Structure formats: structure tokens, C-alpha cells
Protein backbone atom coordinates (compact mmCIF):
# COMPACT_ATOMS: atom_id res chain seq x y z
CA MET A 1 -11.44 -17.96 -11.18
CA VAL A 2 -8.40 -15.63 -11.68
CA ASP A 3 -7.18 -14.50 -7.72
CA LEU A 4 -7.20 -10.34 -8.09
CA SER A 5 -6.05 -9.76 -4.49
CA VAL A 6 -2.75 -8.53 -3.45
CA ALA A 7 -0.83 -7.59 -0.25
CA ILE A 8 0.54 -3.94 0.06
CA GLY A 9 2.48 -4.93 2.89
CA GLU A 10 -0.10 -5.29 6.38
CA VAL A 11 -2.97 -3.93 3.77
CA THR A 12 -4.30 -6.66 1.87
CA LEU A 13 -6.46 -5.43 -1.44
CA ALA A 14 -9.24 -7.63 -3.18
CA ASN A 15 -7.32 -5.93 -6.90
CA PRO A 16 -4.69 -3.79 -7.62
CA ILE A 17 -6.67 -1.32 -9.19
CA MET A 18 -7.48 1.87 -7.39
CA PRO A 19 -7.87 5.91 -8.00
CA GLY A 20 -4.48 8.53 -7.96
CA SER A 21 -5.29 11.33 -5.61
CA GLY A 22 -7.01 14.05 -7.15
CA THR A 23 -8.78 12.23 -9.72
CA PHE A 24 -11.58 10.95 -7.45
CA ALA A 25 -13.97 12.12 -5.10
CA ASP A 26 -17.26 10.85 -3.68
CA GLY A 27 -19.05 11.72 -6.57
CA MET A 28 -17.86 8.51 -8.37
CA ASP A 29 -20.20 6.44 -6.34
CA ARG A 30 -22.90 7.62 -9.04
CA VAL A 31 -20.71 6.51 -11.95
CA ILE A 32 -19.26 3.13 -10.79
CA ASP A 33 -19.51 0.16 -7.76
CA LEU A 34 -16.58 1.75 -5.44
CA ASP A 35 -17.05 -1.62 -3.61
CA ARG A 36 -15.40 -3.07 -6.39
CA LEU A 37 -12.22 -1.33 -6.00
CA GLY A 38 -8.70 -2.36 -4.57
CA ALA A 39 -8.79 1.04 -2.42
CA LEU A 40 -10.56 4.28 -2.16
CA VAL A 41 -8.06 6.99 -2.28
CA SER A 42 -9.06 10.63 -1.35
CA LYS A 43 -7.94 13.84 -2.64
CA THR A 44 -4.78 15.74 -0.76
CA ILE A 45 -5.83 17.34 2.03
CA THR A 46 -3.52 20.24 4.50
CA PRO A 47 -3.23 21.23 7.77
CA ASP A 48 -4.59 24.57 6.56
CA VAL A 49 -7.74 25.58 4.12
CA ARG A 50 -6.70 26.25 0.75
CA GLU A 51 -8.20 27.47 -2.42
CA GLY A 52 -5.77 26.16 -4.55
CA ASN A 53 -3.94 27.61 -7.55
CA PRO A 54 -5.44 30.64 -9.59
CA GLN A 55 -6.83 29.97 -13.05
CA PRO A 56 -6.51 28.57 -15.34
CA ARG A 57 -5.51 25.36 -13.98
CA VAL A 58 -5.88 22.38 -17.29
CA THR A 59 -4.66 22.60 -20.75
CA GLU A 60 -4.80 19.44 -22.14
CA TYR A 61 -3.06 17.34 -24.89
CA ARG A 62 -3.61 14.47 -27.20
CA ASP A 63 -2.35 11.79 -24.44
CA ALA A 64 -1.61 14.25 -21.87
CA MET A 65 -2.94 16.69 -19.69
CA LEU A 66 -1.07 19.43 -18.11
CA CYS A 67 -2.56 20.31 -14.61
CA SER A 68 -1.64 23.23 -11.80
CA ILE A 69 -4.66 22.62 -9.46
CA GLY A 70 -2.84 23.87 -5.88
CA ILE A 71 -4.24 21.27 -3.54
CA PRO A 72 -7.04 23.32 -3.15
CA SER A 73 -8.49 21.74 1.09
CA LYS A 74 -11.37 21.65 3.37
CA GLY A 75 -8.75 20.80 6.18
CA PRO A 76 -8.59 18.16 8.15
CA GLU A 77 -11.89 18.78 10.41
CA HIS A 78 -14.15 18.89 7.34
CA TYR A 79 -11.76 15.65 6.28
CA VAL A 80 -12.72 13.49 9.71
CA ASP A 81 -16.35 14.64 10.23
CA GLU A 82 -17.41 14.28 6.54
CA VAL A 83 -15.83 13.01 3.95
CA VAL A 84 -14.20 9.69 6.45
CA PRO A 85 -17.93 8.86 7.19
CA PHE A 86 -18.91 8.74 3.65
CA TYR A 87 -16.20 6.26 2.88
CA ARG A 88 -17.02 3.78 5.44
CA ASN A 89 -20.26 3.10 3.65
CA PHE A 90 -17.78 0.91 1.34
CA ARG A 91 -15.84 -2.05 1.81
CA PRO A 92 -12.38 -1.13 0.12
CA PRO A 93 -10.30 0.47 2.27
CA LEU A 94 -9.31 4.30 2.18
CA VAL A 95 -5.76 5.48 2.00
CA CYS A 96 -5.76 9.84 3.02
CA SER A 97 -3.26 11.53 0.78
CA ILE A 98 -1.93 14.15 3.13
CA SER A 99 0.37 17.38 2.16
CA ALA A 100 2.31 19.43 4.13
CA SER A 101 4.96 22.28 4.18
CA THR A 102 7.20 20.84 7.23
CA ALA A 103 8.15 17.66 8.33
CA ALA A 104 6.26 18.45 11.62
CA ALA A 105 3.16 19.59 10.06
CA PHE A 106 3.18 16.22 8.14
CA GLY A 107 3.31 14.60 12.05
CA GLU A 108 0.52 16.96 13.43
CA LEU A 109 -1.68 16.11 10.17
CA ALA A 110 -1.14 12.41 9.79
CA ALA A 111 -2.38 12.48 13.92
CA ARG A 112 -5.19 13.98 13.50
CA VAL A 113 -6.96 11.89 10.75
CA SER A 114 -5.84 8.28 11.71
CA VAL A 115 -9.25 7.85 13.04
CA ASP A 116 -11.49 4.77 12.50
CA GLY A 117 -12.55 4.74 9.29
CA VAL A 118 -9.01 5.38 7.61
CA ALA A 119 -6.54 2.34 6.90
CA VAL A 120 -3.74 3.90 5.60
CA ILE A 121 -2.33 7.47 5.14
CA GLU A 122 -0.24 8.25 1.54
CA ALA A 123 2.31 10.80 2.26
CA ASN A 124 2.19 13.32 -0.55
CA ILE A 125 5.97 14.43 -0.04
CA SER A 126 6.02 16.11 -3.71
CA CYS A 127 5.21 18.97 -2.05
CA PRO A 128 7.34 22.40 -1.62
CA ASN A 129 9.18 21.87 1.85
CA LEU A 130 9.56 25.46 3.36
CA GLU A 131 12.82 24.06 5.64
CA GLN A 132 14.23 24.12 2.13
CA ASP A 133 13.85 26.85 0.47
CA GLY A 134 10.38 25.54 -1.57
CA ARG A 135 11.64 22.18 -3.08
CA ALA A 136 9.85 19.87 -2.92
CA PHE A 137 10.11 17.15 0.22
CA ALA A 138 11.07 14.06 -2.23
CA MET A 139 13.88 16.10 -4.44
CA GLU A 140 16.09 15.87 -1.21
CA GLU A 141 16.43 12.51 0.57
CA ALA A 142 16.73 13.83 4.16
CA ALA A 143 13.72 15.76 3.41
CA THR A 144 12.09 12.79 2.65
CA ARG A 145 13.57 10.63 5.40
CA SER A 146 12.22 13.39 8.11
CA ALA A 147 8.88 13.56 6.52
CA ILE A 148 8.49 9.97 6.41
CA ALA A 149 9.96 9.55 10.03
CA ALA A 150 7.77 12.07 11.36
CA ILE A 151 4.41 10.64 10.46
CA LYS A 152 5.40 7.31 11.27
CA ALA A 153 6.17 8.63 14.92
CA ALA A 154 2.80 9.70 14.69
CA SER A 155 0.56 6.89 13.31
CA ASP A 156 -0.16 3.65 12.89
CA ARG A 157 -1.47 3.32 9.74
CA PRO A 158 1.03 1.90 7.29
CA ILE A 159 2.68 5.35 5.36
CA TRP A 160 2.73 4.62 1.57
CA ALA A 161 5.09 7.48 0.23
CA LYS A 162 4.71 9.28 -3.25
CA LEU A 163 7.18 10.10 -5.09
CA THR A 164 8.05 12.64 -7.62
CA PRO A 165 9.52 11.62 -10.85
CA ASN A 166 10.94 15.56 -11.06
CA VAL A 167 14.51 13.95 -9.56
CA GLY A 168 17.87 12.80 -11.35
CA ASP A 169 17.71 9.40 -9.56
CA ILE A 170 14.51 8.56 -7.83
CA THR A 171 16.20 5.46 -6.17
CA LEU A 172 18.10 7.43 -4.04
CA ILE A 173 14.79 9.12 -2.63
CA ALA A 174 13.33 5.50 -2.59
CA ARG A 175 15.92 4.74 -0.21
CA ALA A 176 15.33 7.38 1.71
CA ALA A 177 11.20 6.95 2.26
CA ALA A 178 12.12 3.46 3.09
CA THR A 179 14.63 4.42 5.87
CA GLY A 180 12.22 6.62 7.08
CA GLY A 181 9.61 4.43 7.80
CA ALA A 182 7.80 4.17 4.62
CA ASP A 183 5.42 0.68 4.16
CA ALA A 184 5.01 1.07 0.71
CA LEU A 185 5.79 3.70 -2.31
CA VAL A 186 4.09 5.59 -4.90
CA VAL A 187 5.63 6.01 -8.08
CA ALA A 188 5.45 8.28 -9.13
CA ASN A 189 3.66 11.93 -8.85
CA ALA A 190 3.45 14.39 -12.45
CA LEU A 191 6.31 15.44 -14.11
CA LEU A 192 6.85 19.18 -14.23
CA GLY A 193 6.25 20.98 -17.48
CA MET A 194 4.86 24.56 -18.98
CA ALA A 195 3.13 25.83 -21.73
CA ILE A 196 2.76 28.47 -23.64
CA ASP A 197 0.30 30.12 -25.63
CA THR A 198 1.62 31.50 -29.39
CA GLU A 199 -1.27 34.02 -29.45
CA SER A 200 -0.87 35.82 -26.46
CA PHE A 201 2.53 35.11 -25.52
CA ARG A 202 1.31 34.05 -21.84
CA PRO A 203 1.47 30.61 -20.04
CA LYS A 204 -1.45 28.37 -20.60
CA LEU A 205 -1.70 27.99 -16.66
CA GLY A 206 -2.34 30.78 -14.24
CA ASN A 207 1.08 29.72 -12.06
CA LEU A 208 3.00 29.28 -14.56
CA MET A 209 3.89 25.54 -14.68
CA GLY A 210 1.60 22.32 -13.29
CA GLY A 211 2.02 18.23 -13.60
CA LEU A 212 2.06 16.67 -17.19
CA THR A 213 -0.01 13.38 -16.73
CA GLY A 214 -2.12 10.70 -18.85
CA PRO A 215 -0.51 8.36 -21.38
CA ALA A 216 2.42 9.80 -22.73
CA VAL A 217 4.62 9.80 -19.28
CA LYS A 218 3.89 6.24 -18.64
CA PRO A 219 7.17 5.18 -20.38
CA VAL A 220 8.79 7.41 -17.82
CA ILE A 221 7.80 6.12 -14.65
CA LEU A 222 7.22 2.47 -15.56
CA ARG A 223 10.93 3.36 -16.66
CA MET A 224 11.35 4.91 -12.21
CA VAL A 225 9.00 1.96 -10.77
CA TYR A 226 11.39 -0.81 -12.38
CA GLN A 227 14.63 0.96 -10.63
CA CYS A 228 12.83 1.18 -7.56
CA ALA A 229 11.54 -2.28 -7.44
CA GLN A 230 15.28 -2.94 -7.68
CA ALA A 231 16.93 -0.58 -5.47
CA VAL A 232 14.18 -1.49 -2.11
CA ASP A 233 12.29 -4.08 -0.90
CA LEU A 234 8.95 -2.48 -0.13
CA PRO A 235 5.61 -3.05 -2.12
CA ILE A 236 5.26 -0.59 -4.84
CA ILE A 237 2.05 1.15 -6.53
CA GLY A 238 2.59 2.52 -9.84
CA CYS A 239 0.96 5.60 -11.05
CA GLY A 240 1.06 6.90 -14.54
CA GLY A 241 -0.52 7.54 -17.47
CA ILE A 242 -2.70 3.68 -17.04
CA ALA A 243 -5.51 3.50 -19.31
CA THR A 244 -5.48 0.08 -20.64
CA CYS A 245 -5.16 -3.44 -19.36
CA GLU A 246 -1.68 -3.84 -20.70
CA ASP A 247 -0.58 -0.66 -18.89
CA VAL A 248 -1.70 -2.31 -15.63
CA VAL A 249 0.13 -5.75 -16.66
CA GLU A 250 3.05 -3.71 -17.67
CA TYR A 251 3.66 -1.70 -14.05
CA LEU A 252 2.85 -5.16 -12.55
CA LEU A 253 5.71 -6.59 -14.52
CA ALA A 254 8.04 -3.95 -14.00
CA GLY A 255 7.88 -4.60 -10.27
CA ALA A 256 4.37 -2.69 -9.12
CA SER A 257 2.08 -4.84 -6.53
CA ALA A 258 -1.04 -2.15 -7.56
CA VAL A 259 -1.71 0.59 -9.74
CA GLN A 260 -3.52 4.01 -9.28
CA VAL A 261 -5.26 5.09 -12.35
CA GLY A 262 -6.04 8.78 -12.69
CA THR A 263 -6.00 10.90 -15.97
CA ALA A 264 -7.74 8.32 -17.81
CA SER A 265 -10.61 8.79 -15.05
CA PHE A 266 -11.42 11.91 -16.36
CA ARG A 267 -11.92 10.66 -20.39
CA HIS A 268 -13.72 8.28 -19.28
CA PRO A 269 -15.06 8.18 -15.84
CA SER A 270 -15.83 3.83 -15.88
CA THR A 271 -11.95 3.02 -16.44
CA MET A 272 -11.03 1.51 -13.43
CA THR A 273 -14.11 -0.73 -13.84
CA ARG A 274 -13.11 -1.79 -17.26
CA LEU A 275 -9.80 -2.65 -16.06
CA LEU A 276 -11.28 -5.13 -13.41
CA ASP A 277 -13.43 -6.38 -16.27
CA GLU A 278 -10.55 -7.55 -18.51
CA LEU A 279 -7.93 -7.86 -16.39
CA PRO A 280 -9.31 -11.74 -15.40
CA ALA A 281 -9.79 -12.23 -19.31
CA TRP A 282 -6.23 -11.33 -19.62
CA CYS A 283 -5.04 -13.56 -16.98
CA GLU A 284 -7.25 -16.59 -17.97
CA ARG A 285 -5.75 -16.25 -21.69
CA LYS A 286 -1.68 -15.97 -20.36
CA GLY A 287 -2.94 -19.02 -17.56
CA ILE A 288 -2.29 -16.47 -15.14
CA ALA A 289 -4.08 -17.70 -11.99
CA ARG A 290 -3.20 -15.21 -9.52
CA VAL A 291 -2.36 -11.45 -10.41
CA ALA A 292 0.34 -11.29 -7.97
CA ASP A 293 2.61 -13.61 -9.68
CA LEU A 294 3.10 -10.97 -12.07
CA THR A 295 4.46 -8.40 -9.70
CA GLY A 296 8.40 -8.56 -11.11
CA ALA A 297 7.93 -11.23 -13.53
CA MET A 298 10.06 -9.35 -16.41
CA ILE A 299 12.20 -11.20 -17.93
CA ALA A 300 15.06 -9.18 -18.56
CA ASP A 301 17.23 -10.45 -20.77
CA VAL A 302 16.17 -9.51 -24.13
CA ALA A 303 16.32 -12.46 -26.85
CA GLU A 304 17.95 -12.38 -30.23
CA PRO A 305 15.87 -11.80 -33.38
CA GLU A 306 16.47 -14.76 -35.24
CA ARG A 307 18.30 -14.36 -38.05
CA GLU A 308 17.35 -15.59 -41.78
CA ALA A 309 19.42 -18.71 -43.12
CA ALA A 310 21.77 -17.49 -45.51
CA VAL A 311 20.34 -18.87 -48.99
């Protein structure tokens, strides 16, 4: 039997499959067995109640989705009183995703949600930083470091820093998150994009720009996972375009210890449990006894193709 367990720092997961924040909610328990997942990642919450961005919020492509949801949130009180008790009914650890507009607000929110039932805090530092003219925290080294440090000082929970791919060199941000005290990295959030309706000449999203996710972004995020794994000595959770067992394996080989599945679950809500059925079979076929052994196991040198012998 294949050992699917993986360690993300001090947190041991039964397997490497979990949802991406914002693509998962309590209604999923009517579709799949939540106890099969490695972890449960709840939707990002903010310190205040938010309605989110104006409609329309989503436009689709063949291999991707462009969305601008705007992190609608009912706030930390609702989260602690209503959301956490629901997830206590399940075995996998609960990962609470948080977002805030200042480093201090990140710390305050982390303290409020560090309650019984919350195992990990995922810092969504792809959000605008009011102290840096609205640039995302994870686009600036100093802002990244200060946000993670504020959370670390306010909570005794492990901190996973969710990075943005919208940077020139993601390894600089990865190092800043590590310096700030992150226990793991989630690589990465959505790529910034936009779409225009050629009939009306208007943007297809109410907020003009949005985040591109789905299979089309996987090569970009996979490259970033590899680069971060080379740059820092932290566990990495790969997130971007995962829909097949082979996608999971690619991320592990590139250096991830686990993965988050998002867009694929919108199309097929049972995607995560299907991957959990397929991954052991893949490992058995390849003679892999422990899925954790796949992390960083890519053979970096590419063999030259055999030349045909001269006739």
C-alpha cells in the first residue's frame, strides 16, 4: 500500500491533496467525502464585512478562467462562530485563509481566528497593501516580510504564505516570506489578466482586471514552484492548473510537498477525490512506496536524444 502522507513543517497531512482557498465551501460535503482530503482550506476572510467586486465576475476560456470576485467576506466573528464549528466535524486540519490591508491588520485578524479547530493560517498576501499605494504585499519584499512577521507574532499557528505570480522574481518574495517567519509557501495565486468584449467594447469583468486560473497557467506556476524550492528551505504547496494525477506528480517532482486544487473543482466537483483514487495507482505502477519521496525528485539533466547510427 502506498503511503500518501506528507509533512508540511510540523503539520502532517494524510495525503497531499487539498482545495485552493475560494474554490471550496461547506456545501462540498454533499458532493465528496471531506475526510478523504489532506486538509480543508476555507475561503479567505477579511477583518471587515465585504460584498466583493461588481458583476460580472467571471469569464471563461477553453483552458482557463478569468475571475474578479473581490474576496466577499462575512468577517472573523462569523468565521469563528459559524464556519469553524462546521469544519470541526471532519478529520483533516482546517487552514484559515486571511487577507488584510495593513501588516498590523493581518496580525490582529490572525489573533482573532487562532481558535480551537484552526490548525494553520494561510496568509493571502496577494491583496492590496494600503501602506504601499495599493500594491499587493507579495509584490514587495519588505511588505511581505512585515505582514508575515506580524502574523507570526500574533498567532501560535503555522503560517503558510500564499504568494502572487505577478512579480519579476518570485524567489525574492519567497526569501522575504521565509525571513518573516513563514512555515511554508503556497505557490501561487492567480495571474493578473483582463478580457474585452469586442461587440460592446467593454471589459468582460466588472472590476476591469481579474485573476487567471486553470490548466493554462500551470507551466508558469510549476516553474515558480521549482524556483522557490531551490531558493528557500521551506515546504511548498503548489497551486495552479491542477486537474490530473500527472499534474499533481509534476508539482511534487518540481519541489512541492502538497498541492491545492481550485478551478478544476468548478468543472468537476469530485476532482480531488478522483485524484486521490488515481495517485496511489500511479505510484504503484512506478514502484513508488511513499508519495513524499516524489518531492523534488525531478532529474534536472536532460539526456540528449539518441542519434541514429550512420548508414
